Amino acid sequence: QVQLVQSGGGLVQPGGSLRLSCAASGSVFSINAMNWYRQAPGKERELVAGVTNSGRTNYADSVKGRFTISRDNAKNSVYLQMNSLKPEDTAVYYCNAEIRSFAMRDYWGQGTQVTVSS
């Protein structure tokens, strides 16, 4: 059974930084894209950043220049470094990955709260 387990997050002041981590465990044969999504109260879940298995990245316009996504294929992990955080970044953040176990399917992490407030 495959699981995505997240860590990181919490409360930070505007302008601060946080780092989110997400690791896949279980019967992982291969991982394609790995992504970070977020969902703020009353809003739909949105893609924040993604990275392919070859290292190509993409970002939402709202986080370009402030957030950096990276992955460690040897550890089946993806990270999100968030700098210059703003109150509007407050949301629950979810990692997502397309993983081949006994079949290829999408998996989601448990979610972690990020709150940016003074």
PDB file of N, CA and C in Angstrom:
ATOM      1  N   GLN A   1       0.844  -1.193   0.000  1.00  0.00           N
ATOM      2  CA  GLN A   1       0.000   0.000   0.000  1.00  0.00           C
ATOM      3  C   GLN A   1       0.878   1.242   0.000  1.00  0.00           C
ATOM      4  N   VAL A   2       0.564   2.179  -0.886  1.00  0.00           N
ATOM      5  CA  VAL A   2       1.349   3.399  -1.027  1.00  0.00           C
ATOM      6  C   VAL A   2       0.729   4.504  -0.195  1.00  0.00           C
ATOM      7  N   GLN A   3       1.574   5.264   0.473  1.00  0.00           N
ATOM      8  CA  GLN A   3       1.124   6.436   1.227  1.00  0.00           C
ATOM      9  C   GLN A   3       2.027   7.612   0.916  1.00  0.00           C
ATOM     10  N   LEU A   4       1.433   8.806   0.926  1.00  0.00           N
ATOM     11  CA  LEU A   4       2.183  10.051   0.877  1.00  0.00           C
ATOM     12  C   LEU A   4       2.050  10.697   2.247  1.00  0.00           C
ATOM     13  N   VAL A   5       3.182  10.902   2.911  1.00  0.00           N
ATOM     14  CA  VAL A   5       3.170  11.461   4.259  1.00  0.00           C
ATOM     15  C   VAL A   5       3.851  12.822   4.242  1.00  0.00           C
ATOM     16  N   GLN A   6       3.113  13.831   4.674  1.00  0.00           N
ATOM     17  CA  GLN A   6       3.597  15.202   4.672  1.00  0.00           C
ATOM     18  C   GLN A   6       4.141  15.601   6.033  1.00  0.00           C
ATOM     19  N   SER A   7       5.053  16.582   6.015  1.00  0.00           N
ATOM     20  CA  SER A   7       5.538  17.195   7.242  1.00  0.00           C
ATOM     21  C   SER A   7       5.856  18.652   6.946  1.00  0.00           C
ATOM     22  N   GLY A   8       5.964  19.428   8.003  1.00  0.00           N
ATOM     23  CA  GLY A   8       6.208  20.850   7.851  1.00  0.00           C
ATOM     24  C   GLY A   8       4.920  21.631   8.042  1.00  0.00           C
ATOM     25  N   GLY A   9       4.953  22.871   7.703  1.00  0.00           N
ATOM     26  CA  GLY A   9       3.789  23.733   7.867  1.00  0.00           C
ATOM     27  C   GLY A   9       3.772  24.392   9.231  1.00  0.00           C
ATOM     28  N   GLY A  10       2.705  25.132   9.508  1.00  0.00           N
ATOM     29  CA  GLY A  10       2.565  25.802  10.783  1.00  0.00           C
ATOM     30  C   GLY A  10       2.215  27.264  10.622  1.00  0.00           C
ATOM     31  N   LEU A  11       2.514  28.021  11.658  1.00  0.00           N
ATOM     32  CA  LEU A  11       2.210  29.446  11.697  1.00  0.00           C
ATOM     33  C   LEU A  11       3.485  30.248  11.473  1.00  0.00           C
ATOM     34  N   VAL A  12       3.405  31.233  10.604  1.00  0.00           N
ATOM     35  CA  VAL A  12       4.570  32.069  10.303  1.00  0.00           C
ATOM     36  C   VAL A  12       4.093  33.493  10.068  1.00  0.00           C
ATOM     37  N   GLN A  13       4.943  34.450  10.369  1.00  0.00           N
ATOM     38  CA  GLN A  13       4.605  35.852  10.125  1.00  0.00           C
ATOM     39  C   GLN A  13       4.776  36.195   8.648  1.00  0.00           C
ATOM     40  N   PRO A  14       4.079  37.216   8.181  1.00  0.00           N
ATOM     41  CA  PRO A  14       4.275  37.658   6.789  1.00  0.00           C
ATOM     42  C   PRO A  14       5.747  37.963   6.527  1.00  0.00           C
ATOM     43  N   GLY A  15       6.217  37.519   5.366  1.00  0.00           N
ATOM     44  CA  GLY A  15       7.612  37.676   5.007  1.00  0.00           C
ATOM     45  C   GLY A  15       8.490  36.522   5.429  1.00  0.00           C
ATOM     46  N   GLY A  16       7.940  35.631   6.219  1.00  0.00           N
ATOM     47  CA  GLY A  16       8.705  34.489   6.703  1.00  0.00           C
ATOM     48  C   GLY A  16       8.785  33.350   5.704  1.00  0.00           C
ATOM     49  N   SER A  17       9.396  32.267   6.151  1.00  0.00           N
ATOM     50  CA  SER A  17       9.615  31.104   5.290  1.00  0.00           C
ATOM     51  C   SER A  17       9.169  29.822   5.987  1.00  0.00           C
ATOM     52  N   LEU A  18       8.753  28.869   5.174  1.00  0.00           N
ATOM     53  CA  LEU A  18       8.441  27.527   5.643  1.00  0.00           C
ATOM     54  C   LEU A  18       8.863  26.532   4.576  1.00  0.00           C
ATOM     55  N   ARG A  19       9.103  25.308   5.015  1.00  0.00           N
ATOM     56  CA  ARG A  19       9.433  24.240   4.084  1.00  0.00           C
ATOM     57  C   ARG A  19       8.516  23.057   4.345  1.00  0.00           C
ATOM     58  N   LEU A  20       7.871  22.614   3.279  1.00  0.00           N
ATOM     59  CA  LEU A  20       7.029  21.434   3.345  1.00  0.00           C
ATOM     60  C   LEU A  20       7.748  20.243   2.722  1.00  0.00           C
ATOM     61  N   SER A  21       7.518  19.085   3.306  1.00  0.00           N
ATOM     62  CA  SER A  21       8.101  17.852   2.785  1.00  0.00           C
ATOM     63  C   SER A  21       7.010  16.813   2.592  1.00  0.00           C
ATOM     64  N   CYS A  22       7.238  15.918   1.659  1.00  0.00           N
ATOM     65  CA  CYS A  22       6.269  14.854   1.383  1.00  0.00           C
ATOM     66  C   CYS A  22       7.047  13.644   0.877  1.00  0.00           C
ATOM     67  N   ALA A  23       6.836  12.509   1.496  1.00  0.00           N
ATOM     68  CA  ALA A  23       7.553  11.293   1.110  1.00  0.00           C
ATOM     69  C   ALA A  23       6.568  10.171   0.810  1.00  0.00           C
ATOM     70  N   ALA A  24       6.846   9.447  -0.263  1.00  0.00           N
ATOM     71  CA  ALA A  24       6.043   8.285  -0.619  1.00  0.00           C
ATOM     72  C   ALA A  24       6.652   7.042  -0.010  1.00  0.00           C
ATOM     73  N   SER A  25       5.804   6.195   0.542  1.00  0.00           N
ATOM     74  CA  SER A  25       6.275   4.946   1.127  1.00  0.00           C
ATOM     75  C   SER A  25       5.398   3.807   0.646  1.00  0.00           C
ATOM     76  N   GLY A  26       5.905   2.601   0.822  1.00  0.00           N
ATOM     77  CA  GLY A  26       5.157   1.425   0.389  1.00  0.00           C
ATOM     78  C   GLY A  26       5.741   0.868  -0.899  1.00  0.00           C
ATOM     79  N   SER A  27       4.889   0.192  -1.647  1.00  0.00           N
ATOM     80  CA  SER A  27       5.327  -0.484  -2.867  1.00  0.00           C
ATOM     81  C   SER A  27       5.351   0.511  -4.041  1.00  0.00           C
ATOM     82  N   VAL A  28       6.378   1.360  -4.045  1.00  0.00           N
ATOM     83  CA  VAL A  28       6.533   2.372  -5.090  1.00  0.00           C
ATOM     84  C   VAL A  28       7.490   1.845  -6.148  1.00  0.00           C
ATOM     85  N   PHE A  29       6.999   1.671  -7.363  1.00  0.00           N
ATOM     86  CA  PHE A  29       7.852   1.219  -8.463  1.00  0.00           C
ATOM     87  C   PHE A  29       8.412   2.405  -9.234  1.00  0.00           C
ATOM     88  N   SER A  30       7.586   3.436  -9.449  1.00  0.00           N
ATOM     89  CA  SER A  30       8.057   4.643 -10.117  1.00  0.00           C
ATOM     90  C   SER A  30       7.098   5.779  -9.819  1.00  0.00           C
ATOM     91  N   ILE A  31       7.603   7.002  -9.959  1.00  0.00           N
ATOM     92  CA  ILE A  31       6.796   8.198  -9.719  1.00  0.00           C
ATOM     93  C   ILE A  31       6.941   9.126 -10.906  1.00  0.00           C
ATOM     94  N   ASN A  32       5.834   9.566 -11.445  1.00  0.00           N
ATOM     95  CA  ASN A  32       5.875  10.561 -12.513  1.00  0.00           C
ATOM     96  C   ASN A  32       5.877  11.951 -11.880  1.00  0.00           C
ATOM     97  N   ALA A  33       4.902  12.762 -12.209  1.00  0.00           N
ATOM     98  CA  ALA A  33       4.862  14.124 -11.676  1.00  0.00           C
ATOM     99  C   ALA A  33       4.577  14.124 -10.183  1.00  0.00           C
ATOM    100  N   MET A  34       5.170  15.086  -9.490  1.00  0.00           N
ATOM    101  CA  MET A  34       4.875  15.337  -8.084  1.00  0.00           C
ATOM    102  C   MET A  34       4.459  16.801  -7.965  1.00  0.00           C
ATOM    103  N   ASN A  35       3.429  17.069  -7.211  1.00  0.00           N
ATOM    104  CA  ASN A  35       2.827  18.396  -7.175  1.00  0.00           C
ATOM    105  C   ASN A  35       2.475  18.817  -5.751  1.00  0.00           C
ATOM    106  N   TRP A  36       2.339  20.113  -5.608  1.00  0.00           N
ATOM    107  CA  TRP A  36       1.761  20.686  -4.392  1.00  0.00           C
ATOM    108  C   TRP A  36       0.510  21.462  -4.774  1.00  0.00           C
ATOM    109  N   TYR A  37      -0.558  21.205  -4.055  1.00  0.00           N
ATOM    110  CA  TYR A  37      -1.812  21.937  -4.196  1.00  0.00           C
ATOM    111  C   TYR A  37      -2.098  22.638  -2.864  1.00  0.00           C
ATOM    112  N   ARG A  38      -3.013  23.597  -2.921  1.00  0.00           N
ATOM    113  CA  ARG A  38      -3.484  24.202  -1.682  1.00  0.00           C
ATOM    114  C   ARG A  38      -4.966  24.536  -1.808  1.00  0.00           C
ATOM    115  N   GLN A  39      -5.601  24.585  -0.645  1.00  0.00           N
ATOM    116  CA  GLN A  39      -7.016  24.941  -0.600  1.00  0.00           C
ATOM    117  C   GLN A  39      -7.255  25.869   0.577  1.00  0.00           C
ATOM    118  N   ALA A  40      -7.672  27.086   0.250  1.00  0.00           N
ATOM    119  CA  ALA A  40      -8.015  28.071   1.271  1.00  0.00           C
ATOM    120  C   ALA A  40      -9.504  27.952   1.605  1.00  0.00           C
ATOM    121  N   PRO A  41      -9.899  28.422   2.781  1.00  0.00           N
ATOM    122  CA  PRO A  41     -11.321  28.325   3.169  1.00  0.00           C
ATOM    123  C   PRO A  41     -12.220  28.987   2.141  1.00  0.00           C
ATOM    124  N   GLY A  42     -13.244  28.268   1.717  1.00  0.00           N
ATOM    125  CA  GLY A  42     -14.203  28.805   0.771  1.00  0.00           C
ATOM    126  C   GLY A  42     -13.731  28.848  -0.667  1.00  0.00           C
ATOM    127  N   LYS A  43     -12.549  28.304  -0.926  1.00  0.00           N
ATOM    128  CA  LYS A  43     -12.003  28.325  -2.286  1.00  0.00           C
ATOM    129  C   LYS A  43     -11.747  26.906  -2.776  1.00  0.00           C
ATOM    130  N   GLU A  44     -11.612  26.774  -4.083  1.00  0.00           N
ATOM    131  CA  GLU A  44     -11.309  25.484  -4.662  1.00  0.00           C
ATOM    132  C   GLU A  44      -9.813  25.168  -4.510  1.00  0.00           C
ATOM    133  N   ARG A  45      -9.529  23.881  -4.529  1.00  0.00           N
ATOM    134  CA  ARG A  45      -8.128  23.464  -4.480  1.00  0.00           C
ATOM    135  C   ARG A  45      -7.426  23.934  -5.757  1.00  0.00           C
ATOM    136  N   GLU A  46      -6.215  24.476  -5.608  1.00  0.00           N
ATOM    137  CA  GLU A  46      -5.471  24.977  -6.758  1.00  0.00           C
ATOM    138  C   GLU A  46      -4.057  24.411  -6.771  1.00  0.00           C
ATOM    139  N   LEU A  47      -3.535  24.253  -7.987  1.00  0.00           N
ATOM    140  CA  LEU A  47      -2.165  23.795  -8.162  1.00  0.00           C
ATOM    141  C   LEU A  47      -1.206  24.920  -7.816  1.00  0.00           C
ATOM    142  N   VAL A  48      -0.260  24.645  -6.942  1.00  0.00           N
ATOM    143  CA  VAL A  48       0.746  25.629  -6.546  1.00  0.00           C
ATOM    144  C   VAL A  48       2.017  25.449  -7.363  1.00  0.00           C
ATOM    145  N   ALA A  49       2.490  24.218  -7.438  1.00  0.00           N
ATOM    146  CA  ALA A  49       3.738  23.942  -8.150  1.00  0.00           C
ATOM    147  C   ALA A  49       3.799  22.461  -8.485  1.00  0.00           C
ATOM    148  N   GLY A  50       4.527  22.152  -9.553  1.00  0.00           N
ATOM    149  CA  GLY A  50       4.703  20.766  -9.958  1.00  0.00           C
ATOM    150  C   GLY A  50       6.102  20.534 -10.477  1.00  0.00           C
ATOM    151  N   VAL A  51       6.551  19.274 -10.403  1.00  0.00           N
ATOM    152  CA  VAL A  51       7.864  18.913 -10.925  1.00  0.00           C
ATOM    153  C   VAL A  51       7.755  17.532 -11.570  1.00  0.00           C
ATOM    154  N   THR A  52       8.266  17.417 -12.781  1.00  0.00           N
ATOM    155  CA  THR A  52       8.239  16.136 -13.475  1.00  0.00           C
ATOM    156  C   THR A  52       9.378  15.244 -12.987  1.00  0.00           C
ATOM    157  N   ASN A  53       9.378  13.981 -13.430  1.00  0.00           N
ATOM    158  CA  ASN A  53      10.454  13.081 -12.992  1.00  0.00           C
ATOM    159  C   ASN A  53      11.784  13.448 -13.632  1.00  0.00           C
ATOM    160  N   SER A  54      11.762  14.327 -14.628  1.00  0.00           N
ATOM    161  CA  SER A  54      13.006  14.810 -15.233  1.00  0.00           C
ATOM    162  C   SER A  54      13.450  16.141 -14.640  1.00  0.00           C
ATOM    163  N   GLY A  55      12.650  16.673 -13.708  1.00  0.00           N
ATOM    164  CA  GLY A  55      13.043  17.888 -13.019  1.00  0.00           C
ATOM    165  C   GLY A  55      12.454  19.181 -13.566  1.00  0.00           C
ATOM    166  N   ARG A  56      11.598  19.083 -14.568  1.00  0.00           N
ATOM    167  CA  ARG A  56      10.977  20.292 -15.094  1.00  0.00           C
ATOM    168  C   ARG A  56       9.912  20.777 -14.116  1.00  0.00           C
ATOM    169  N   THR A  57       9.925  22.074 -13.855  1.00  0.00           N
ATOM    170  CA  THR A  57       9.017  22.639 -12.851  1.00  0.00           C
ATOM    171  C   THR A  57       8.021  23.615 -13.472  1.00  0.00           C
ATOM    172  N   ASN A  58       6.902  23.794 -12.786  1.00  0.00           N
ATOM    173  CA  ASN A  58       5.936  24.827 -13.145  1.00  0.00           C
ATOM    174  C   ASN A  58       5.325  25.373 -11.881  1.00  0.00           C
ATOM    175  N   TYR A  59       4.910  26.628 -11.930  1.00  0.00           N
ATOM    176  CA  TYR A  59       4.404  27.322 -10.755  1.00  0.00           C
ATOM    177  C   TYR A  59       3.160  28.127 -11.095  1.00  0.00           C
ATOM    178  N   ALA A  60       2.301  28.274 -10.109  1.00  0.00           N
ATOM    179  CA  ALA A  60       1.206  29.228 -10.227  1.00  0.00           C
ATOM    180  C   ALA A  60       1.799  30.632 -10.259  1.00  0.00           C
ATOM    181  N   ASP A  61       1.169  31.511 -11.001  1.00  0.00           N
ATOM    182  CA  ASP A  61       1.685  32.883 -11.101  1.00  0.00           C
ATOM    183  C   ASP A  61       1.806  33.539  -9.735  1.00  0.00           C
ATOM    184  N   SER A  62       0.903  33.208  -8.840  1.00  0.00           N
ATOM    185  CA  SER A  62       0.865  33.855  -7.530  1.00  0.00           C
ATOM    186  C   SER A  62       2.060  33.518  -6.646  1.00  0.00           C
ATOM    187  N   VAL A  63       2.789  32.448  -6.984  1.00  0.00           N
ATOM    188  CA  VAL A  63       3.916  32.037  -6.131  1.00  0.00           C
ATOM    189  C   VAL A  63       5.257  32.090  -6.853  1.00  0.00           C
ATOM    190  N   LYS A  64       5.258  32.432  -8.125  1.00  0.00           N
ATOM    191  CA  LYS A  64       6.508  32.486  -8.876  1.00  0.00           C
ATOM    192  C   LYS A  64       7.482  33.464  -8.231  1.00  0.00           C
ATOM    193  N   GLY A  65       8.731  33.021  -8.104  1.00  0.00           N
ATOM    194  CA  GLY A  65       9.752  33.864  -7.497  1.00  0.00           C
ATOM    195  C   GLY A  65       9.807  33.779  -5.988  1.00  0.00           C
ATOM    196  N   ARG A  66       8.800  33.149  -5.378  1.00  0.00           N
ATOM    197  CA  ARG A  66       8.774  33.033  -3.916  1.00  0.00           C
ATOM    198  C   ARG A  66       8.860  31.576  -3.458  1.00  0.00           C
ATOM    199  N   PHE A  67       8.252  30.670  -4.211  1.00  0.00           N
ATOM    200  CA  PHE A  67       8.230  29.252  -3.843  1.00  0.00           C
ATOM    201  C   PHE A  67       9.152  28.467  -4.774  1.00  0.00           C
ATOM    202  N   THR A  68       9.749  27.424  -4.229  1.00  0.00           N
ATOM    203  CA  THR A  68      10.591  26.542  -5.027  1.00  0.00           C
ATOM    204  C   THR A  68      10.226  25.090  -4.729  1.00  0.00           C
ATOM    205  N   ILE A  69       9.889  24.359  -5.779  1.00  0.00           N
ATOM    206  CA  ILE A  69       9.598  22.935  -5.634  1.00  0.00           C
ATOM    207  C   ILE A  69      10.837  22.143  -6.033  1.00  0.00           C
ATOM    208  N   SER A  70      11.089  21.067  -5.322  1.00  0.00           N
ATOM    209  CA  SER A  70      12.210  20.191  -5.662  1.00  0.00           C
ATOM    210  C   SER A  70      11.836  18.762  -5.285  1.00  0.00           C
ATOM    211  N   ARG A  71      12.576  17.822  -5.812  1.00  0.00           N
ATOM    212  CA  ARG A  71      12.307  16.432  -5.485  1.00  0.00           C
ATOM    213  C   ARG A  71      13.610  15.663  -5.346  1.00  0.00           C
ATOM    214  N   ASP A  72      13.555  14.607  -4.568  1.00  0.00           N
ATOM    215  CA  ASP A  72      14.682  13.700  -4.390  1.00  0.00           C
ATOM    216  C   ASP A  72      14.180  12.326  -4.800  1.00  0.00           C
ATOM    217  N   ASN A  73      14.521  11.905  -5.987  1.00  0.00           N
ATOM    218  CA  ASN A  73      13.999  10.643  -6.505  1.00  0.00           C
ATOM    219  C   ASN A  73      14.485   9.445  -5.696  1.00  0.00           C
ATOM    220  N   ALA A  74      15.676   9.543  -5.135  1.00  0.00           N
ATOM    221  CA  ALA A  74      16.197   8.433  -4.337  1.00  0.00           C
ATOM    222  C   ALA A  74      15.388   8.237  -3.058  1.00  0.00           C
ATOM    223  N   LYS A  75      14.771   9.310  -2.585  1.00  0.00           N
ATOM    224  CA  LYS A  75      13.968   9.248  -1.360  1.00  0.00           C
ATOM    225  C   LYS A  75      12.473   9.274  -1.641  1.00  0.00           C
ATOM    226  N   ASN A  76      12.109   9.262  -2.927  1.00  0.00           N
ATOM    227  CA  ASN A  76      10.682   9.347  -3.301  1.00  0.00           C
ATOM    228  C   ASN A  76      10.000  10.526  -2.611  1.00  0.00           C
ATOM    229  N   SER A  77      10.665  11.651  -2.612  1.00  0.00           N
ATOM    230  CA  SER A  77      10.197  12.807  -1.850  1.00  0.00           C
ATOM    231  C   SER A  77      10.102  14.061  -2.709  1.00  0.00           C
ATOM    232  N   VAL A  78       9.220  14.948  -2.277  1.00  0.00           N
ATOM    233  CA  VAL A  78       9.071  16.247  -2.914  1.00  0.00           C
ATOM    234  C   VAL A  78       9.021  17.292  -1.803  1.00  0.00           C
ATOM    235  N   TYR A  79       9.538  18.469  -2.111  1.00  0.00           N
ATOM    236  CA  TYR A  79       9.637  19.534  -1.127  1.00  0.00           C
ATOM    237  C   TYR A  79       9.072  20.823  -1.712  1.00  0.00           C
ATOM    238  N   LEU A  80       8.637  21.708  -0.826  1.00  0.00           N
ATOM    239  CA  LEU A  80       8.193  23.034  -1.244  1.00  0.00           C
ATOM    240  C   LEU A  80       8.799  24.050  -0.283  1.00  0.00           C
ATOM    241  N   GLN A  81       9.746  24.809  -0.792  1.00  0.00           N
ATOM    242  CA  GLN A  81      10.338  25.893  -0.005  1.00  0.00           C
ATOM    243  C   GLN A  81       9.533  27.148  -0.283  1.00  0.00           C
ATOM    244  N   MET A  82       8.968  27.722   0.766  1.00  0.00           N
ATOM    245  CA  MET A  82       8.107  28.886   0.616  1.00  0.00           C
ATOM    246  C   MET A  82       8.753  30.070   1.325  1.00  0.00           C
ATOM    247  N   ASN A  83       9.098  31.085   0.548  1.00  0.00           N
ATOM    248  CA  ASN A  83       9.716  32.297   1.077  1.00  0.00           C
ATOM    249  C   ASN A  83       8.799  33.487   0.855  1.00  0.00           C
ATOM    250  N   SER A  84       9.078  34.561   1.552  1.00  0.00           N
ATOM    251  CA  SER A  84       8.296  35.799   1.416  1.00  0.00           C
ATOM    252  C   SER A  84       6.805  35.514   1.505  1.00  0.00           C
ATOM    253  N   LEU A  85       6.438  34.766   2.501  1.00  0.00           N
ATOM    254  CA  LEU A  85       5.045  34.342   2.627  1.00  0.00           C
ATOM    255  C   LEU A  85       4.118  35.516   2.887  1.00  0.00           C
ATOM    256  N   LYS A  86       2.913  35.404   2.328  1.00  0.00           N
ATOM    257  CA  LYS A  86       1.896  36.437   2.444  1.00  0.00           C
ATOM    258  C   LYS A  86       0.654  35.852   3.122  1.00  0.00           C
ATOM    259  N   PRO A  87      -0.164  36.694   3.726  1.00  0.00           N
ATOM    260  CA  PRO A  87      -1.401  36.177   4.335  1.00  0.00           C
ATOM    261  C   PRO A  87      -2.261  35.375   3.347  1.00  0.00           C
ATOM    262  N   GLU A  88      -2.246  35.766   2.087  1.00  0.00           N
ATOM    263  CA  GLU A  88      -3.048  35.044   1.098  1.00  0.00           C
ATOM    264  C   GLU A  88      -2.502  33.666   0.755  1.00  0.00           C
ATOM    265  N   ASP A  89      -1.337  33.325   1.280  1.00  0.00           N
ATOM    266  CA  ASP A  89      -0.815  31.965   1.123  1.00  0.00           C
ATOM    267  C   ASP A  89      -1.398  31.011   2.158  1.00  0.00           C
ATOM    268  N   THR A  90      -2.149  31.542   3.094  1.00  0.00           N
ATOM    269  CA  THR A  90      -2.766  30.712   4.123  1.00  0.00           C
ATOM    270  C   THR A  90      -3.723  29.717   3.488  1.00  0.00           C
ATOM    271  N   ALA A  91      -3.506  28.447   3.786  1.00  0.00           N
ATOM    272  CA  ALA A  91      -4.313  27.381   3.193  1.00  0.00           C
ATOM    273  C   ALA A  91      -3.862  26.037   3.766  1.00  0.00           C
ATOM    274  N   VAL A  92      -4.611  25.010   3.447  1.00  0.00           N
ATOM    275  CA  VAL A  92      -4.139  23.646   3.671  1.00  0.00           C
ATOM    276  C   VAL A  92      -3.409  23.209   2.412  1.00  0.00           C
ATOM    277  N   TYR A  93      -2.200  22.738   2.576  1.00  0.00           N
ATOM    278  CA  TYR A  93      -1.371  22.334   1.456  1.00  0.00           C
ATOM    279  C   TYR A  93      -1.339  20.811   1.359  1.00  0.00           C
ATOM    280  N   TYR A  94      -1.486  20.315   0.126  1.00  0.00           N
ATOM    281  CA  TYR A  94      -1.518  18.874  -0.125  1.00  0.00           C
ATOM    282  C   TYR A  94      -0.450  18.513  -1.153  1.00  0.00           C
ATOM    283  N   CYS A  95       0.275  17.463  -0.894  1.00  0.00           N
ATOM    284  CA  CYS A  95       1.134  16.935  -1.954  1.00  0.00           C
ATOM    285  C   CYS A  95       0.356  15.881  -2.746  1.00  0.00           C
ATOM    286  N   ASN A  96       0.759  15.734  -3.975  1.00  0.00           N
ATOM    287  CA  ASN A  96       0.088  14.835  -4.903  1.00  0.00           C
ATOM    288  C   ASN A  96       1.139  14.217  -5.802  1.00  0.00           C
ATOM    289  N   ALA A  97       0.971  12.965  -6.129  1.00  0.00           N
ATOM    290  CA  ALA A  97       1.943  12.315  -7.001  1.00  0.00           C
ATOM    291  C   ALA A  97       1.264  11.229  -7.817  1.00  0.00           C
ATOM    292  N   GLU A  98       1.746  11.068  -9.027  1.00  0.00           N
ATOM    293  CA  GLU A  98       1.295   9.981  -9.893  1.00  0.00           C
ATOM    294  C   GLU A  98       2.281   8.831  -9.714  1.00  0.00           C
ATOM    295  N   ILE A  99       1.821   7.776  -9.074  1.00  0.00           N
ATOM    296  CA  ILE A  99       2.724   6.711  -8.647  1.00  0.00           C
ATOM    297  C   ILE A  99       2.308   5.389  -9.263  1.00  0.00           C
ATOM    298  N   ARG A 100       3.308   4.676  -9.758  1.00  0.00           N
ATOM    299  CA  ARG A 100       3.057   3.314 -10.223  1.00  0.00           C
ATOM    300  C   ARG A 100       3.407   2.346  -9.096  1.00  0.00           C
ATOM    301  N   SER A 101       2.392   1.702  -8.583  1.00  0.00           N
ATOM    302  CA  SER A 101       2.578   0.624  -7.624  1.00  0.00           C
ATOM    303  C   SER A 101       2.204  -0.658  -8.367  1.00  0.00           C
ATOM    304  N   PHE A 102       1.070  -1.215  -8.117  1.00  0.00           N
ATOM    305  CA  PHE A 102       0.588  -2.327  -8.932  1.00  0.00           C
ATOM    306  C   PHE A 102      -0.190  -1.795 -10.118  1.00  0.00           C
ATOM    307  N   ALA A 103      -0.490  -0.518 -10.073  1.00  0.00           N
ATOM    308  CA  ALA A 103      -1.114   0.203 -11.169  1.00  0.00           C
ATOM    309  C   ALA A 103      -0.725   1.664 -11.032  1.00  0.00           C
ATOM    310  N   MET A 104      -0.891   2.421 -12.090  1.00  0.00           N
ATOM    311  CA  MET A 104      -0.576   3.857 -12.031  1.00  0.00           C
ATOM    312  C   MET A 104      -1.810   4.606 -11.555  1.00  0.00           C
ATOM    313  N   ARG A 105      -1.649   5.402 -10.514  1.00  0.00           N
ATOM    314  CA  ARG A 105      -2.766   6.216 -10.053  1.00  0.00           C
ATOM    315  C   ARG A 105      -2.255   7.399  -9.258  1.00  0.00           C
ATOM    316  N   ASP A 106      -3.162   8.330  -9.007  1.00  0.00           N
ATOM    317  CA  ASP A 106      -2.853   9.513  -8.213  1.00  0.00           C
ATOM    318  C   ASP A 106      -2.962   9.215  -6.725  1.00  0.00           C
ATOM    319  N   TYR A 107      -2.028   9.753  -5.960  1.00  0.00           N
ATOM    320  CA  TYR A 107      -2.087   9.667  -4.509  1.00  0.00           C
ATOM    321  C   TYR A 107      -2.016  11.060  -3.916  1.00  0.00           C
ATOM    322  N   TRP A 108      -2.607  11.220  -2.730  1.00  0.00           N
ATOM    323  CA  TRP A 108      -2.619  12.500  -2.035  1.00  0.00           C
ATOM    324  C   TRP A 108      -2.085  12.351  -0.624  1.00  0.00           C
ATOM    325  N   GLY A 109      -1.374  13.387  -0.176  1.00  0.00           N
ATOM    326  CA  GLY A 109      -0.963  13.447   1.207  1.00  0.00           C
ATOM    327  C   GLY A 109      -2.128  13.840   2.101  1.00  0.00           C
ATOM    328  N   GLN A 110      -1.856  13.845   3.401  1.00  0.00           N
ATOM    329  CA  GLN A 110      -2.929  14.082   4.374  1.00  0.00           C
ATOM    330  C   GLN A 110      -3.276  15.552   4.533  1.00  0.00           C
ATOM    331  N   GLY A 111      -2.452  16.437   3.983  1.00  0.00           N
ATOM    332  CA  GLY A 111      -2.691  17.869   4.112  1.00  0.00           C
ATOM    333  C   GLY A 111      -2.016  18.437   5.345  1.00  0.00           C
ATOM    334  N   THR A 112      -1.552  19.672   5.208  1.00  0.00           N
ATOM    335  CA  THR A 112      -0.927  20.356   6.337  1.00  0.00           C
ATOM    336  C   THR A 112      -1.309  21.832   6.287  1.00  0.00           C
ATOM    337  N   GLN A 113      -1.610  22.387   7.439  1.00  0.00           N
ATOM    338  CA  GLN A 113      -2.049  23.779   7.504  1.00  0.00           C
ATOM    339  C   GLN A 113      -0.849  24.717   7.475  1.00  0.00           C
ATOM    340  N   VAL A 114      -0.937  25.724   6.625  1.00  0.00           N
ATOM    341  CA  VAL A 114       0.018  26.832   6.609  1.00  0.00           C
ATOM    342  C   VAL A 114      -0.772  28.104   6.893  1.00  0.00           C
ATOM    343  N   THR A 115      -0.390  28.803   7.937  1.00  0.00           N
ATOM    344  CA  THR A 115      -1.060  30.047   8.319  1.00  0.00           C
ATOM    345  C   THR A 115      -0.042  31.160   8.361  1.00  0.00           C
ATOM    346  N   VAL A 116      -0.310  32.207   7.589  1.00  0.00           N
ATOM    347  CA  VAL A 116       0.573  33.367   7.535  1.00  0.00           C
ATOM    348  C   VAL A 116      -0.166  34.530   8.183  1.00  0.00           C
ATOM    349  N   SER A 117       0.306  34.922   9.347  1.00  0.00           N
ATOM    350  CA  SER A 117      -0.400  35.946  10.109  1.00  0.00           C
ATOM    351  C   SER A 117       0.552  36.598  11.103  1.00  0.00           C
ATOM    352  N   SER A 118       0.312  37.878  11.352  1.00  0.00           N
ATOM    353  CA  SER A 118       1.092  38.581  12.359  1.00  0.00           C
ATOM    354  C   SER A 118       0.384  38.535  13.708  1.00  0.00           C
TER     355      SER A 118
END
